[in-house]
Amino acid sequence: VQLQASGGGLVQTGGSLRLSCAASGTSDSFHSMGWYRRAPGKLRDLVAIILHDGSTTYLDSVKGRFTISGDGAKNTVNMQMNSLKPEDTAVYYCNAQFFSPRFSENWGQGTLVTVSS
């Protein structure tokens, strides 16, 4: 399974960006897809995740600002990021887990989001 992420960039405080990620190389639907981020000098955090049943989980600091959506048939995930803050600056990584035909956890190449103050 390969993940291709896109949509990072430079934006001013209060601006918006949309991250997209598509999984290829499998005909099975994801168990979960989501986004992690790693800010300079910090550990990687789970930002948002969507499960195959449509349920979602968000990092507390992004609740109400970020919205994740996914399509199991297409194995794609999008994350709309609004009201961006400088502390959202990080490299964002797409993650996808599949349970069929066997468990696999897959990572995208990372996309940089920079929010200027």
C-alpha atoms as a PDB file:
ATOM      1  CA  VAL A   1       0.000   0.000   0.000  1.00  0.00           C
ATOM      2  CA  GLN A   2       1.299   3.412  -0.939  1.00  0.00           C
ATOM      3  CA  LEU A   3       0.020   6.699   0.422  1.00  0.00           C
ATOM      4  CA  GLN A   4       0.219   9.927  -1.532  1.00  0.00           C
ATOM      5  CA  ALA A   5      -0.388  13.088   0.443  1.00  0.00           C
ATOM      6  CA  SER A   6      -0.793  16.614  -0.794  1.00  0.00           C
ATOM      7  CA  GLY A   7      -2.011  20.038   0.232  1.00  0.00           C
ATOM      8  CA  GLY A   8       0.568  21.462   2.592  1.00  0.00           C
ATOM      9  CA  GLY A   9       1.928  24.955   2.266  1.00  0.00           C
ATOM     10  CA  LEU A  10       2.410  28.352   3.837  1.00  0.00           C
ATOM     11  CA  VAL A  11      -0.536  30.250   5.241  1.00  0.00           C
ATOM     12  CA  GLN A  12      -1.053  33.173   7.573  1.00  0.00           C
ATOM     13  CA  THR A  13      -2.607  32.876  11.005  1.00  0.00           C
ATOM     14  CA  GLY A  14      -6.338  32.401  10.641  1.00  0.00           C
ATOM     15  CA  GLY A  15      -6.043  30.932   7.184  1.00  0.00           C
ATOM     16  CA  SER A  16      -7.098  27.559   5.859  1.00  0.00           C
ATOM     17  CA  LEU A  17      -5.529  24.587   4.159  1.00  0.00           C
ATOM     18  CA  ARG A  18      -6.839  21.258   2.984  1.00  0.00           C
ATOM     19  CA  LEU A  19      -4.750  18.104   3.170  1.00  0.00           C
ATOM     20  CA  SER A  20      -5.552  15.100   1.021  1.00  0.00           C
ATOM     21  CA  CYS A  21      -4.251  11.570   1.025  1.00  0.00           C
ATOM     22  CA  ALA A  22      -4.958   8.637  -1.256  1.00  0.00           C
ATOM     23  CA  ALA A  23      -4.000   5.019  -0.723  1.00  0.00           C
ATOM     24  CA  SER A  24      -3.196   2.824  -3.675  1.00  0.00           C
ATOM     25  CA  GLY A  25      -2.081  -0.738  -4.166  1.00  0.00           C
ATOM     26  CA  THR A  26      -5.011  -2.394  -2.464  1.00  0.00           C
ATOM     27  CA  SER A  27      -8.607  -3.206  -3.287  1.00  0.00           C
ATOM     28  CA  ASP A  28      -9.607  -3.433   0.373  1.00  0.00           C
ATOM     29  CA  SER A  29     -11.116  -0.564   2.333  1.00  0.00           C
ATOM     30  CA  PHE A  30      -9.172   1.028   5.140  1.00  0.00           C
ATOM     31  CA  HIS A  31      -9.780   0.276   8.783  1.00  0.00           C
ATOM     32  CA  SER A  32      -8.600   3.771   9.667  1.00  0.00           C
ATOM     33  CA  MET A  33      -7.041   6.738   7.937  1.00  0.00           C
ATOM     34  CA  GLY A  34      -5.797   9.864   9.528  1.00  0.00           C
ATOM     35  CA  TRP A  35      -3.182  12.489  10.061  1.00  0.00           C
ATOM     36  CA  TYR A  36      -0.309  12.803  12.484  1.00  0.00           C
ATOM     37  CA  ARG A  37       2.035  15.717  12.811  1.00  0.00           C
ATOM     38  CA  ARG A  38       5.495  16.379  14.134  1.00  0.00           C
ATOM     39  CA  ALA A  39       6.469  19.886  15.049  1.00  0.00           C
ATOM     40  CA  PRO A  40      10.151  20.829  15.375  1.00  0.00           C
ATOM     41  CA  GLY A  41      11.580  19.450  18.592  1.00  0.00           C
ATOM     42  CA  LYS A  42       8.377  17.645  19.522  1.00  0.00           C
ATOM     43  CA  LEU A  43       7.034  14.135  19.386  1.00  0.00           C
ATOM     44  CA  ARG A  44       4.590  13.009  16.756  1.00  0.00           C
ATOM     45  CA  ASP A  45       0.941  13.619  17.655  1.00  0.00           C
ATOM     46  CA  LEU A  46      -2.249  12.138  16.335  1.00  0.00           C
ATOM     47  CA  VAL A  47      -4.187  15.039  14.824  1.00  0.00           C
ATOM     48  CA  ALA A  48      -7.303  13.368  13.498  1.00  0.00           C
ATOM     49  CA  ILE A  49      -8.412   9.930  12.494  1.00  0.00           C
ATOM     50  CA  ILE A  50     -11.472   8.450  10.838  1.00  0.00           C
ATOM     51  CA  LEU A  51     -12.490   4.826  11.162  1.00  0.00           C
ATOM     52  CA  HIS A  52     -14.200   2.648   8.590  1.00  0.00           C
ATOM     53  CA  ASP A  53     -17.517   3.230  10.357  1.00  0.00           C
ATOM     54  CA  GLY A  54     -17.166   6.985   9.997  1.00  0.00           C
ATOM     55  CA  SER A  55     -16.331   7.743  13.597  1.00  0.00           C
ATOM     56  CA  THR A  56     -13.673  10.367  14.177  1.00  0.00           C
ATOM     57  CA  THR A  57     -11.192  11.384  16.841  1.00  0.00           C
ATOM     58  CA  TYR A  58      -9.392  14.702  17.105  1.00  0.00           C
ATOM     59  CA  LEU A  59      -6.506  16.150  19.040  1.00  0.00           C
ATOM     60  CA  ASP A  60      -8.062  18.488  21.587  1.00  0.00           C
ATOM     61  CA  SER A  61      -6.240  21.524  20.291  1.00  0.00           C
ATOM     62  CA  VAL A  62      -7.725  21.162  16.790  1.00  0.00           C
ATOM     63  CA  LYS A  63     -11.313  20.378  17.725  1.00  0.00           C
ATOM     64  CA  GLY A  64     -13.694  22.813  16.101  1.00  0.00           C
ATOM     65  CA  ARG A  65     -11.044  23.946  13.610  1.00  0.00           C
ATOM     66  CA  PHE A  66     -10.109  20.796  11.709  1.00  0.00           C
ATOM     67  CA  THR A  67     -12.513  18.422   9.999  1.00  0.00           C
ATOM     68  CA  ILE A  68     -11.537  15.015   8.706  1.00  0.00           C
ATOM     69  CA  SER A  69     -13.498  13.116   6.079  1.00  0.00           C
ATOM     70  CA  GLY A  70     -12.861   9.845   4.336  1.00  0.00           C
ATOM     71  CA  ASP A  71     -14.081   7.566   1.579  1.00  0.00           C
ATOM     72  CA  GLY A  72     -13.598   3.867   2.176  1.00  0.00           C
ATOM     73  CA  ALA A  73     -14.494   2.939  -1.361  1.00  0.00           C
ATOM     74  CA  LYS A  74     -11.777   5.201  -2.740  1.00  0.00           C
ATOM     75  CA  ASN A  75      -9.393   4.896   0.225  1.00  0.00           C
ATOM     76  CA  THR A  76      -8.998   8.620   0.482  1.00  0.00           C
ATOM     77  CA  VAL A  77      -8.945  10.997   3.428  1.00  0.00           C
ATOM     78  CA  ASN A  78      -9.135  14.756   3.551  1.00  0.00           C
ATOM     79  CA  MET A  79      -8.626  17.158   6.386  1.00  0.00           C
ATOM     80  CA  GLN A  80      -9.910  20.700   6.215  1.00  0.00           C
ATOM     81  CA  MET A  81      -7.905  22.937   8.508  1.00  0.00           C
ATOM     82  CA  ASN A  82      -9.425  26.297   9.388  1.00  0.00           C
ATOM     83  CA  SER A  83      -8.390  29.056  11.759  1.00  0.00           C
ATOM     84  CA  LEU A  84      -4.819  27.897  11.578  1.00  0.00           C
ATOM     85  CA  LYS A  85      -2.408  28.962  14.295  1.00  0.00           C
ATOM     86  CA  PRO A  86       1.392  29.147  14.362  1.00  0.00           C
ATOM     87  CA  GLU A  87       1.400  26.158  16.715  1.00  0.00           C
ATOM     88  CA  ASP A  88      -0.134  24.078  13.930  1.00  0.00           C
ATOM     89  CA  THR A  89       3.150  24.385  12.051  1.00  0.00           C
ATOM     90  CA  ALA A  90       4.486  20.877  11.529  1.00  0.00           C
ATOM     91  CA  VAL A  91       5.101  18.135   9.047  1.00  0.00           C
ATOM     92  CA  TYR A  92       1.827  16.280   8.613  1.00  0.00           C
ATOM     93  CA  TYR A  93       1.868  12.571   7.863  1.00  0.00           C
ATOM     94  CA  CYS A  94      -0.956  10.542   6.422  1.00  0.00           C
ATOM     95  CA  ASN A  95      -1.507   7.172   8.071  1.00  0.00           C
ATOM     96  CA  ALA A  96      -3.665   4.269   6.978  1.00  0.00           C
ATOM     97  CA  GLN A  97      -4.358   0.935   8.578  1.00  0.00           C
ATOM     98  CA  PHE A  98      -5.773  -2.036   6.745  1.00  0.00           C
ATOM     99  CA  PHE A  99      -6.935  -5.279   8.290  1.00  0.00           C
ATOM    100  CA  SER A 100      -7.386  -7.148   5.038  1.00  0.00           C
ATOM    101  CA  PRO A 101      -5.871  -9.241   3.607  1.00  0.00           C
ATOM    102  CA  ARG A 102      -3.628  -8.858   6.672  1.00  0.00           C
ATOM    103  CA  PHE A 103      -2.858  -6.055   9.049  1.00  0.00           C
ATOM    104  CA  SER A 104      -0.709  -3.270   7.655  1.00  0.00           C
ATOM    105  CA  GLU A 105       0.109   0.220   8.852  1.00  0.00           C
ATOM    106  CA  ASN A 106       1.214   2.630   6.177  1.00  0.00           C
ATOM    107  CA  TRP A 107       2.668   6.130   6.152  1.00  0.00           C
ATOM    108  CA  GLY A 108       2.773   8.858   3.581  1.00  0.00           C
ATOM    109  CA  GLN A 109       5.822  10.960   2.842  1.00  0.00           C
ATOM    110  CA  GLY A 110       4.834  13.961   4.951  1.00  0.00           C
ATOM    111  CA  THR A 111       3.702  17.379   3.887  1.00  0.00           C
ATOM    112  CA  LEU A 112       4.848  20.611   5.520  1.00  0.00           C
ATOM    113  CA  VAL A 113       2.314  23.053   6.907  1.00  0.00           C
ATOM    114  CA  THR A 114       3.693  26.418   7.957  1.00  0.00           C
ATOM    115  CA  VAL A 115       1.510  29.003   9.655  1.00  0.00           C
ATOM    116  CA  SER A 116       3.051  32.442   9.875  1.00  0.00           C
ATOM    117  CA  SER A 117       2.165  34.871  12.648  1.00  0.00           C
END
